Amino acid sequence: METDKFRITISLREGMTDIPANAILETANQNEELGDGKLISMKMGRWMEVECEAEFDIFNLCEKLLVNNVTEEYKVERIED
């Protein structure tokens, strides 16, 4: 059986407020050892690696289960061994 491996990266769409990332950015910029006002922006997300049969529709999995298409965007990258 032939298989493929993918890395799926999920993050908030542009224009969506990333409350946790903004809180970290603000806290870091208020600390001279961590950011000292030098951090410009921060965006958080999540990623996962999926191994599947070669003919599996990874995009269907993303669209229907893994990603909230209203607030999130995703990128699928094939992982080469």
N, C-alpha and C. Protein backbone atom coordinates (compact mmCIF):
# COMPACT_ATOMS: atom_id res chain seq x y z
N MET A 1 0.84 -1.18 0.00
CA MET A 1 0.00 0.00 0.00
C MET A 1 0.89 1.25 0.00
N GLU A 2 0.65 2.11 -0.94
CA GLU A 2 1.40 3.36 -1.02
C GLU A 2 0.76 4.39 -0.11
N THR A 3 1.60 5.13 0.62
CA THR A 3 1.09 6.14 1.56
C THR A 3 1.71 7.50 1.27
N ASP A 4 1.05 8.52 1.78
CA ASP A 4 1.55 9.90 1.73
C ASP A 4 1.54 10.45 3.15
N LYS A 5 2.41 11.43 3.39
CA LYS A 5 2.41 12.16 4.65
C LYS A 5 2.21 13.63 4.35
N PHE A 6 1.39 14.27 5.19
CA PHE A 6 1.10 15.68 5.01
C PHE A 6 1.25 16.43 6.33
N ARG A 7 1.66 17.68 6.25
CA ARG A 7 1.60 18.60 7.38
C ARG A 7 0.51 19.61 7.07
N ILE A 8 -0.44 19.73 7.98
CA ILE A 8 -1.55 20.66 7.84
C ILE A 8 -1.35 21.77 8.86
N THR A 9 -1.28 23.00 8.40
CA THR A 9 -1.12 24.16 9.27
C THR A 9 -2.41 24.96 9.23
N ILE A 10 -2.97 25.21 10.42
CA ILE A 10 -4.26 25.91 10.53
C ILE A 10 -4.06 27.18 11.34
N SER A 11 -4.58 28.28 10.84
CA SER A 11 -4.47 29.55 11.57
C SER A 11 -5.72 30.39 11.30
N LEU A 12 -5.86 31.45 12.08
CA LEU A 12 -7.00 32.35 11.88
C LEU A 12 -6.87 33.11 10.56
N ARG A 13 -7.97 33.37 9.93
CA ARG A 13 -7.98 34.17 8.70
C ARG A 13 -7.53 35.60 9.00
N GLU A 14 -7.02 36.27 7.98
CA GLU A 14 -6.67 37.68 8.11
C GLU A 14 -7.91 38.45 8.56
N GLY A 15 -7.70 39.40 9.46
CA GLY A 15 -8.80 40.22 9.94
C GLY A 15 -9.47 39.67 11.19
N MET A 16 -9.20 38.41 11.52
CA MET A 16 -9.77 37.82 12.74
C MET A 16 -8.86 38.19 13.91
N THR A 17 -9.43 38.53 15.05
CA THR A 17 -8.66 38.89 16.22
C THR A 17 -8.11 37.64 16.90
N ASP A 18 -6.81 37.59 17.03
CA ASP A 18 -6.14 36.46 17.69
C ASP A 18 -5.87 36.88 19.13
N ILE A 19 -6.85 36.69 19.98
CA ILE A 19 -6.79 37.17 21.36
C ILE A 19 -5.61 36.59 22.13
N PRO A 20 -5.37 35.27 22.11
CA PRO A 20 -4.22 34.74 22.85
C PRO A 20 -2.87 35.29 22.35
N ALA A 21 -2.70 35.37 21.03
CA ALA A 21 -1.45 35.89 20.49
C ALA A 21 -1.26 37.36 20.85
N ASN A 22 -2.33 38.14 20.80
CA ASN A 22 -2.24 39.56 21.17
C ASN A 22 -1.87 39.73 22.64
N ALA A 23 -2.40 38.87 23.51
CA ALA A 23 -2.08 38.95 24.94
C ALA A 23 -0.60 38.62 25.17
N ILE A 24 -0.09 37.61 24.49
CA ILE A 24 1.34 37.25 24.62
C ILE A 24 2.21 38.39 24.10
N LEU A 25 1.85 38.93 22.94
CA LEU A 25 2.61 40.03 22.34
C LEU A 25 2.66 41.23 23.29
N GLU A 26 1.53 41.60 23.85
CA GLU A 26 1.48 42.75 24.76
C GLU A 26 2.31 42.49 26.01
N THR A 27 2.19 41.31 26.58
CA THR A 27 2.95 40.97 27.78
C THR A 27 4.45 40.98 27.50
N ALA A 28 4.85 40.38 26.38
CA ALA A 28 6.27 40.34 26.03
C ALA A 28 6.82 41.74 25.79
N ASN A 29 6.07 42.58 25.11
CA ASN A 29 6.55 43.93 24.81
C ASN A 29 6.65 44.82 26.05
N GLN A 30 5.97 44.45 27.11
CA GLN A 30 6.06 45.21 28.36
C GLN A 30 7.23 44.75 29.22
N ASN A 31 7.96 43.73 28.76
CA ASN A 31 9.08 43.18 29.52
C ASN A 31 10.35 43.38 28.72
N GLU A 32 11.34 44.07 29.31
CA GLU A 32 12.55 44.39 28.56
C GLU A 32 13.37 43.15 28.20
N GLU A 33 13.21 42.05 28.92
CA GLU A 33 13.95 40.83 28.59
C GLU A 33 13.27 40.00 27.50
N LEU A 34 11.99 40.20 27.29
CA LEU A 34 11.24 39.35 26.36
C LEU A 34 10.93 40.03 25.03
N GLY A 35 10.54 41.25 25.05
CA GLY A 35 10.16 41.92 23.80
C GLY A 35 10.57 43.37 23.79
N ASP A 36 10.46 44.02 24.94
CA ASP A 36 10.87 45.41 25.11
C ASP A 36 10.31 46.33 24.02
N GLY A 37 9.07 46.07 23.61
CA GLY A 37 8.44 46.93 22.60
C GLY A 37 8.91 46.68 21.19
N LYS A 38 9.73 45.66 20.97
CA LYS A 38 10.30 45.41 19.64
C LYS A 38 9.50 44.41 18.80
N LEU A 39 8.57 43.71 19.42
CA LEU A 39 7.74 42.76 18.67
C LEU A 39 6.64 43.51 17.94
N ILE A 40 6.44 43.22 16.69
CA ILE A 40 5.47 43.92 15.85
C ILE A 40 4.14 43.18 15.80
N SER A 41 4.18 41.90 15.54
CA SER A 41 2.94 41.13 15.45
C SER A 41 3.21 39.68 15.80
N MET A 42 2.14 38.96 16.07
CA MET A 42 2.25 37.55 16.41
C MET A 42 0.96 36.89 15.97
N LYS A 43 1.08 35.68 15.45
CA LYS A 43 -0.09 34.92 15.01
C LYS A 43 0.10 33.49 15.48
N MET A 44 -0.92 32.95 16.12
CA MET A 44 -0.85 31.58 16.62
C MET A 44 -1.65 30.67 15.69
N GLY A 45 -1.39 29.40 15.79
CA GLY A 45 -2.11 28.41 15.01
C GLY A 45 -1.83 27.03 15.56
N ARG A 46 -2.17 26.04 14.77
CA ARG A 46 -1.86 24.67 15.16
C ARG A 46 -1.48 23.91 13.90
N TRP A 47 -0.81 22.80 14.09
CA TRP A 47 -0.45 21.97 12.95
C TRP A 47 -0.58 20.51 13.33
N MET A 48 -0.70 19.69 12.33
CA MET A 48 -0.75 18.25 12.55
C MET A 48 -0.11 17.55 11.37
N GLU A 49 0.39 16.37 11.60
CA GLU A 49 0.92 15.53 10.54
C GLU A 49 -0.01 14.34 10.37
N VAL A 50 -0.33 14.03 9.13
CA VAL A 50 -1.25 12.95 8.81
C VAL A 50 -0.59 12.02 7.81
N GLU A 51 -0.61 10.74 8.11
CA GLU A 51 -0.18 9.73 7.15
C GLU A 51 -1.42 9.00 6.68
N CYS A 52 -1.55 8.83 5.38
CA CYS A 52 -2.76 8.23 4.83
C CYS A 52 -2.43 7.47 3.55
N GLU A 53 -3.39 6.70 3.09
CA GLU A 53 -3.24 6.03 1.81
C GLU A 53 -3.11 7.08 0.71
N ALA A 54 -2.38 6.75 -0.33
CA ALA A 54 -2.03 7.71 -1.37
C ALA A 54 -3.25 8.37 -2.02
N GLU A 55 -4.34 7.66 -2.17
CA GLU A 55 -5.50 8.22 -2.86
C GLU A 55 -6.47 8.94 -1.91
N PHE A 56 -6.13 9.04 -0.63
CA PHE A 56 -7.00 9.69 0.35
C PHE A 56 -7.13 11.18 0.05
N ASP A 57 -8.34 11.72 0.18
CA ASP A 57 -8.62 13.14 -0.08
C ASP A 57 -8.38 13.96 1.20
N ILE A 58 -7.15 14.42 1.37
CA ILE A 58 -6.76 15.16 2.57
C ILE A 58 -7.50 16.50 2.66
N PHE A 59 -7.81 17.08 1.51
CA PHE A 59 -8.50 18.38 1.50
C PHE A 59 -9.94 18.24 1.99
N ASN A 60 -10.59 17.14 1.67
CA ASN A 60 -11.94 16.88 2.16
C ASN A 60 -11.93 16.76 3.69
N LEU A 61 -10.93 16.08 4.24
CA LEU A 61 -10.80 15.96 5.69
C LEU A 61 -10.66 17.35 6.32
N CYS A 62 -9.83 18.19 5.74
CA CYS A 62 -9.64 19.55 6.25
C CYS A 62 -10.93 20.35 6.20
N GLU A 63 -11.58 20.34 5.05
CA GLU A 63 -12.78 21.15 4.84
C GLU A 63 -13.95 20.73 5.73
N LYS A 64 -14.08 19.43 5.97
CA LYS A 64 -15.28 18.94 6.65
C LYS A 64 -15.09 18.61 8.12
N LEU A 65 -13.82 18.54 8.59
CA LEU A 65 -13.62 18.16 9.98
C LEU A 65 -12.59 19.02 10.72
N LEU A 66 -11.46 19.30 10.11
CA LEU A 66 -10.34 19.90 10.85
C LEU A 66 -10.39 21.42 10.93
N VAL A 67 -11.00 22.08 9.97
CA VAL A 67 -10.91 23.53 9.85
C VAL A 67 -12.30 24.17 9.94
N ASN A 68 -12.39 25.26 10.70
CA ASN A 68 -13.60 26.09 10.70
C ASN A 68 -13.42 27.09 9.57
N ASN A 69 -14.06 26.85 8.45
CA ASN A 69 -13.84 27.67 7.26
C ASN A 69 -14.31 29.11 7.40
N VAL A 70 -15.10 29.40 8.41
CA VAL A 70 -15.55 30.77 8.63
C VAL A 70 -14.42 31.61 9.23
N THR A 71 -13.67 31.04 10.17
CA THR A 71 -12.67 31.82 10.91
C THR A 71 -11.23 31.39 10.63
N GLU A 72 -11.03 30.24 10.01
CA GLU A 72 -9.67 29.71 9.85
C GLU A 72 -9.33 29.47 8.39
N GLU A 73 -8.02 29.44 8.15
CA GLU A 73 -7.48 29.05 6.85
C GLU A 73 -6.46 27.95 7.09
N TYR A 74 -6.13 27.22 6.05
CA TYR A 74 -5.18 26.13 6.22
C TYR A 74 -4.28 25.99 5.01
N LYS A 75 -3.17 25.32 5.25
CA LYS A 75 -2.21 25.02 4.19
C LYS A 75 -1.82 23.55 4.34
N VAL A 76 -1.79 22.83 3.24
CA VAL A 76 -1.41 21.42 3.24
C VAL A 76 -0.08 21.30 2.50
N GLU A 77 0.88 20.66 3.15
CA GLU A 77 2.19 20.43 2.53
C GLU A 77 2.50 18.94 2.59
N ARG A 78 2.94 18.39 1.48
CA ARG A 78 3.37 17.00 1.46
C ARG A 78 4.74 16.90 2.12
N ILE A 79 4.90 15.92 2.98
CA ILE A 79 6.17 15.68 3.66
C ILE A 79 6.91 14.60 2.89
N GLU A 80 8.07 14.93 2.41
CA GLU A 80 8.89 13.95 1.69
C GLU A 80 9.80 13.23 2.66
N ASP A 81 9.89 11.93 2.54
CA ASP A 81 10.79 11.17 3.41
C ASP A 81 12.23 11.33 3.02
